């Protein structure tokens, strides 16, 4: 969920977010990722999808809003980084998978 949904009292138990996590699980499960794939989650928001995504490997989180990143427990991500998806500062081929949900 993004920071705006969170600030408006959104719940990760809402049918939309439950369904979204289910779809993410199906998509990543069918992606043929290597075991322990290094994953970049662009637009990680408040981190609600991380419970599913981190089943597939270590996750790095990128979001433009630091307030959202501050809500994610440090142990959910290898790295939390504030930044713009159009100006990534990672080397080429650093990740096995990049997601933006």
N, C-alpha and C. Protein backbone atom coordinates (compact mmCIF):
# COMPACT_ATOMS: atom_id res chain seq x y z
N UNK A 1 0.84 -1.16 0.00
CA UNK A 1 0.00 0.00 0.00
C UNK A 1 0.89 1.23 0.00
N UNK A 2 0.44 2.25 -0.65
CA UNK A 2 1.27 3.45 -0.68
C UNK A 2 0.99 4.29 0.57
N UNK A 3 1.79 5.30 0.76
CA UNK A 3 1.70 6.11 1.97
C UNK A 3 0.34 6.81 2.07
N UNK A 4 -0.25 7.17 0.95
CA UNK A 4 -1.54 7.87 0.98
C UNK A 4 -2.65 6.95 1.48
N UNK A 5 -2.66 5.68 1.02
CA UNK A 5 -3.64 4.72 1.53
C UNK A 5 -3.46 4.53 3.04
N UNK A 6 -2.21 4.42 3.45
CA UNK A 6 -1.91 4.24 4.87
C UNK A 6 -2.41 5.43 5.70
N UNK A 7 -2.13 6.63 5.25
CA UNK A 7 -2.54 7.82 5.98
C UNK A 7 -4.06 7.97 6.05
N UNK A 8 -4.76 7.40 5.06
CA UNK A 8 -6.22 7.46 5.05
C UNK A 8 -6.85 6.30 5.83
N UNK A 9 -6.00 5.49 6.48
CA UNK A 9 -6.51 4.40 7.32
C UNK A 9 -6.70 3.09 6.59
N UNK A 10 -6.08 2.93 5.44
CA UNK A 10 -6.19 1.69 4.69
C UNK A 10 -5.68 0.50 5.49
N UNK A 11 -6.24 -0.66 5.22
CA UNK A 11 -5.87 -1.88 5.92
C UNK A 11 -5.32 -2.91 4.94
N UNK A 12 -4.27 -3.59 5.34
CA UNK A 12 -3.71 -4.64 4.48
C UNK A 12 -4.65 -5.83 4.38
N UNK A 13 -5.73 -5.85 5.19
CA UNK A 13 -6.71 -6.93 5.15
C UNK A 13 -7.85 -6.62 4.17
N UNK A 14 -7.84 -5.45 3.57
CA UNK A 14 -8.85 -5.08 2.57
C UNK A 14 -8.73 -6.04 1.39
N UNK A 15 -9.86 -6.41 0.80
CA UNK A 15 -9.87 -7.42 -0.28
C UNK A 15 -8.91 -7.07 -1.41
N UNK A 16 -8.75 -5.78 -1.72
CA UNK A 16 -7.87 -5.38 -2.82
C UNK A 16 -6.43 -5.79 -2.54
N UNK A 17 -5.95 -5.51 -1.35
CA UNK A 17 -4.57 -5.81 -1.01
C UNK A 17 -4.33 -7.31 -0.82
N UNK A 18 -5.33 -8.02 -0.30
CA UNK A 18 -5.23 -9.48 -0.17
C UNK A 18 -5.14 -10.11 -1.56
N UNK A 19 -6.01 -9.67 -2.46
CA UNK A 19 -5.99 -10.18 -3.83
C UNK A 19 -4.71 -9.84 -4.56
N UNK A 20 -4.22 -8.65 -4.33
CA UNK A 20 -2.96 -8.22 -4.98
C UNK A 20 -1.81 -9.12 -4.54
N UNK A 21 -1.72 -9.41 -3.24
CA UNK A 21 -0.65 -10.28 -2.76
C UNK A 21 -0.77 -11.68 -3.35
N UNK A 22 -2.00 -12.16 -3.49
CA UNK A 22 -2.20 -13.47 -4.12
C UNK A 22 -1.72 -13.49 -5.55
N UNK A 23 -2.02 -12.44 -6.29
CA UNK A 23 -1.58 -12.34 -7.69
C UNK A 23 -0.06 -12.25 -7.78
N UNK A 24 0.55 -11.48 -6.90
CA UNK A 24 2.01 -11.36 -6.88
C UNK A 24 2.64 -12.73 -6.65
N UNK A 25 2.07 -13.49 -5.73
CA UNK A 25 2.60 -14.82 -5.43
C UNK A 25 2.53 -15.73 -6.66
N UNK A 26 1.41 -15.70 -7.35
CA UNK A 26 1.26 -16.51 -8.57
C UNK A 26 2.28 -16.08 -9.62
N UNK A 27 2.39 -14.78 -9.86
CA UNK A 27 3.29 -14.28 -10.89
C UNK A 27 4.75 -14.62 -10.60
N UNK A 28 5.18 -14.38 -9.36
CA UNK A 28 6.57 -14.69 -9.03
C UNK A 28 6.81 -16.20 -9.02
N UNK A 29 5.82 -16.97 -8.60
CA UNK A 29 5.95 -18.42 -8.61
C UNK A 29 6.12 -18.99 -10.01
N UNK A 30 5.55 -18.33 -10.99
CA UNK A 30 5.64 -18.79 -12.37
C UNK A 30 6.78 -18.14 -13.15
N UNK A 31 7.52 -17.25 -12.52
CA UNK A 31 8.55 -16.49 -13.23
C UNK A 31 9.83 -17.29 -13.46
N UNK A 32 9.97 -18.42 -12.80
CA UNK A 32 11.18 -19.22 -12.98
C UNK A 32 12.42 -18.58 -12.38
N UNK A 33 12.24 -17.90 -11.26
CA UNK A 33 13.36 -17.23 -10.61
C UNK A 33 14.32 -18.25 -10.00
N UNK A 34 15.61 -17.94 -10.02
CA UNK A 34 16.55 -18.84 -9.33
C UNK A 34 16.32 -18.78 -7.82
N UNK A 35 16.70 -19.82 -7.12
CA UNK A 35 16.58 -19.83 -5.66
C UNK A 35 17.39 -18.67 -5.09
N UNK A 36 16.75 -17.92 -4.19
CA UNK A 36 17.43 -16.77 -3.59
C UNK A 36 17.64 -15.62 -4.53
N UNK A 37 16.75 -15.47 -5.51
CA UNK A 37 16.87 -14.38 -6.48
C UNK A 37 16.93 -13.03 -5.78
N UNK A 38 17.80 -12.17 -6.25
CA UNK A 38 17.92 -10.81 -5.72
C UNK A 38 16.85 -9.95 -6.41
N UNK A 39 15.94 -9.37 -5.62
CA UNK A 39 14.75 -8.70 -6.16
C UNK A 39 14.75 -7.23 -5.76
N UNK A 40 14.47 -6.37 -6.74
CA UNK A 40 14.27 -4.95 -6.48
C UNK A 40 12.77 -4.67 -6.57
N UNK A 41 12.21 -4.12 -5.51
CA UNK A 41 10.80 -3.73 -5.49
C UNK A 41 10.73 -2.21 -5.63
N UNK A 42 10.40 -1.76 -6.82
CA UNK A 42 10.27 -0.33 -7.09
C UNK A 42 8.88 0.12 -6.66
N UNK A 43 8.83 1.16 -5.86
CA UNK A 43 7.55 1.62 -5.33
C UNK A 43 7.08 0.72 -4.20
N UNK A 44 7.99 0.38 -3.32
CA UNK A 44 7.72 -0.57 -2.24
C UNK A 44 6.64 -0.07 -1.29
N UNK A 45 6.39 1.22 -1.27
CA UNK A 45 5.34 1.77 -0.40
C UNK A 45 5.60 1.44 1.06
N UNK A 46 4.54 1.01 1.75
CA UNK A 46 4.67 0.70 3.17
C UNK A 46 5.10 -0.75 3.41
N UNK A 47 5.35 -1.49 2.35
CA UNK A 47 5.91 -2.83 2.47
C UNK A 47 4.93 -3.96 2.65
N UNK A 48 3.65 -3.73 2.42
CA UNK A 48 2.65 -4.78 2.63
C UNK A 48 2.86 -6.01 1.74
N UNK A 49 3.43 -5.84 0.57
CA UNK A 49 3.63 -6.96 -0.36
C UNK A 49 4.88 -7.77 -0.03
N UNK A 50 5.70 -7.29 0.88
CA UNK A 50 6.98 -7.94 1.16
C UNK A 50 6.85 -9.33 1.75
N UNK A 51 5.77 -9.60 2.47
CA UNK A 51 5.61 -10.93 3.03
C UNK A 51 5.58 -11.99 1.92
N UNK A 52 5.03 -11.63 0.78
CA UNK A 52 4.99 -12.55 -0.35
C UNK A 52 6.28 -12.49 -1.15
N UNK A 53 6.74 -11.31 -1.48
CA UNK A 53 7.89 -11.16 -2.37
C UNK A 53 9.15 -11.77 -1.77
N UNK A 54 9.35 -11.62 -0.47
CA UNK A 54 10.60 -12.11 0.11
C UNK A 54 10.65 -13.63 0.22
N UNK A 55 9.56 -14.32 -0.10
CA UNK A 55 9.60 -15.78 -0.21
C UNK A 55 10.50 -16.22 -1.36
N UNK A 56 10.71 -15.33 -2.32
CA UNK A 56 11.44 -15.67 -3.54
C UNK A 56 12.90 -15.22 -3.52
N UNK A 57 13.28 -14.50 -2.48
CA UNK A 57 14.67 -14.07 -2.38
C UNK A 57 14.79 -12.77 -1.62
N UNK A 58 16.02 -12.33 -1.39
CA UNK A 58 16.24 -11.07 -0.68
C UNK A 58 15.72 -9.89 -1.50
N UNK A 59 15.08 -8.95 -0.80
CA UNK A 59 14.41 -7.84 -1.47
C UNK A 59 15.05 -6.51 -1.09
N UNK A 60 15.28 -5.69 -2.09
CA UNK A 60 15.74 -4.31 -1.93
C UNK A 60 14.53 -3.44 -2.24
N UNK A 61 14.29 -2.41 -1.44
CA UNK A 61 13.12 -1.57 -1.63
C UNK A 61 13.49 -0.16 -2.05
N UNK A 62 12.78 0.34 -3.05
CA UNK A 62 12.97 1.70 -3.53
C UNK A 62 11.62 2.40 -3.53
N UNK A 63 11.57 3.59 -2.96
CA UNK A 63 10.34 4.38 -3.00
C UNK A 63 10.73 5.85 -3.01
N UNK A 64 9.89 6.67 -3.59
CA UNK A 64 10.17 8.09 -3.67
C UNK A 64 9.83 8.81 -2.36
N UNK A 65 9.00 8.17 -1.53
CA UNK A 65 8.52 8.80 -0.29
C UNK A 65 9.19 8.17 0.94
N UNK A 66 10.01 8.92 1.59
CA UNK A 66 10.73 8.42 2.77
C UNK A 66 9.78 8.05 3.90
N UNK A 67 8.62 8.72 3.98
CA UNK A 67 7.65 8.39 5.04
C UNK A 67 7.18 6.94 4.91
N UNK A 68 6.98 6.48 3.69
CA UNK A 68 6.58 5.09 3.47
C UNK A 68 7.69 4.14 3.88
N UNK A 69 8.90 4.44 3.46
CA UNK A 69 10.05 3.59 3.80
C UNK A 69 10.24 3.48 5.31
N UNK A 70 9.99 4.56 6.02
CA UNK A 70 10.16 4.56 7.47
C UNK A 70 9.20 3.62 8.19
N UNK A 71 8.11 3.25 7.55
CA UNK A 71 7.13 2.34 8.15
C UNK A 71 7.50 0.87 7.99
N UNK A 72 8.48 0.57 7.15
CA UNK A 72 8.88 -0.81 6.89
C UNK A 72 9.94 -1.23 7.91
N UNK A 73 9.72 -2.34 8.62
CA UNK A 73 10.75 -2.82 9.54
C UNK A 73 12.07 -3.07 8.80
N UNK A 74 13.17 -2.73 9.42
CA UNK A 74 14.47 -2.85 8.77
C UNK A 74 14.79 -4.27 8.33
N UNK A 75 14.31 -5.27 9.06
CA UNK A 75 14.65 -6.65 8.71
C UNK A 75 13.81 -7.22 7.57
N UNK A 76 12.87 -6.44 7.02
CA UNK A 76 12.08 -6.89 5.88
C UNK A 76 12.83 -6.74 4.56
N UNK A 77 13.82 -5.87 4.53
CA UNK A 77 14.54 -5.57 3.29
C UNK A 77 16.04 -5.64 3.52
N UNK A 78 16.76 -5.99 2.47
CA UNK A 78 18.21 -5.91 2.52
C UNK A 78 18.62 -4.45 2.59
N UNK A 79 17.88 -3.63 1.84
CA UNK A 79 18.18 -2.19 1.79
C UNK A 79 16.90 -1.43 1.49
N UNK A 80 16.72 -0.31 2.19
CA UNK A 80 15.65 0.64 1.89
C UNK A 80 16.32 1.86 1.30
N UNK A 81 15.84 2.28 0.13
CA UNK A 81 16.46 3.43 -0.51
C UNK A 81 15.38 4.36 -1.04
N UNK A 82 15.51 5.63 -0.69
CA UNK A 82 14.63 6.64 -1.27
C UNK A 82 15.23 7.03 -2.61
N UNK A 83 14.38 7.07 -3.63
CA UNK A 83 14.89 7.45 -4.93
C UNK A 83 13.82 7.35 -6.00
N UNK A 84 14.23 7.70 -7.18
CA UNK A 84 13.37 7.75 -8.35
C UNK A 84 13.67 6.56 -9.25
N UNK A 85 12.65 5.88 -9.70
CA UNK A 85 12.83 4.71 -10.56
C UNK A 85 13.49 5.06 -11.89
N UNK A 86 13.45 6.32 -12.28
CA UNK A 86 14.07 6.75 -13.53
C UNK A 86 15.55 7.05 -13.37
N UNK A 87 16.05 6.95 -12.15
CA UNK A 87 17.46 7.26 -11.90
C UNK A 87 18.04 6.26 -10.89
N UNK A 88 18.02 4.98 -11.27
CA UNK A 88 18.53 3.94 -10.38
C UNK A 88 20.04 4.03 -10.26
N UNK A 89 20.54 3.80 -9.07
CA UNK A 89 21.98 3.90 -8.85
C UNK A 89 22.63 2.53 -8.63
N UNK A 90 21.96 1.48 -9.08
CA UNK A 90 22.53 0.13 -8.98
C UNK A 90 23.25 -0.21 -10.28
N UNK A 91 24.27 -1.05 -10.20
CA UNK A 91 24.96 -1.45 -11.44
C UNK A 91 24.05 -2.32 -12.31
N UNK A 92 24.35 -2.35 -13.59
CA UNK A 92 23.60 -3.19 -14.53
C UNK A 92 23.67 -4.65 -14.07
N UNK A 93 22.58 -5.36 -14.27
CA UNK A 93 22.48 -6.80 -13.97
C UNK A 93 22.68 -7.13 -12.50
N UNK A 94 22.45 -6.19 -11.61
CA UNK A 94 22.62 -6.41 -10.18
C UNK A 94 21.48 -7.28 -9.63
N UNK A 95 20.28 -7.15 -10.21
CA UNK A 95 19.11 -7.88 -9.74
C UNK A 95 18.72 -8.99 -10.69
N UNK A 96 18.15 -10.05 -10.11
CA UNK A 96 17.59 -11.14 -10.92
C UNK A 96 16.17 -10.81 -11.36
N UNK A 97 15.51 -9.96 -10.58
CA UNK A 97 14.11 -9.63 -10.85
C UNK A 97 13.83 -8.23 -10.35
N UNK A 98 13.09 -7.46 -11.13
CA UNK A 98 12.65 -6.12 -10.72
C UNK A 98 11.13 -6.11 -10.84
N UNK A 99 10.47 -5.71 -9.75
CA UNK A 99 9.01 -5.66 -9.75
C UNK A 99 8.57 -4.24 -9.41
N UNK A 100 7.41 -3.87 -9.94
CA UNK A 100 6.81 -2.58 -9.64
C UNK A 100 5.30 -2.78 -9.64
N UNK A 101 4.76 -3.02 -8.48
CA UNK A 101 3.32 -3.28 -8.36
C UNK A 101 2.58 -2.05 -7.90
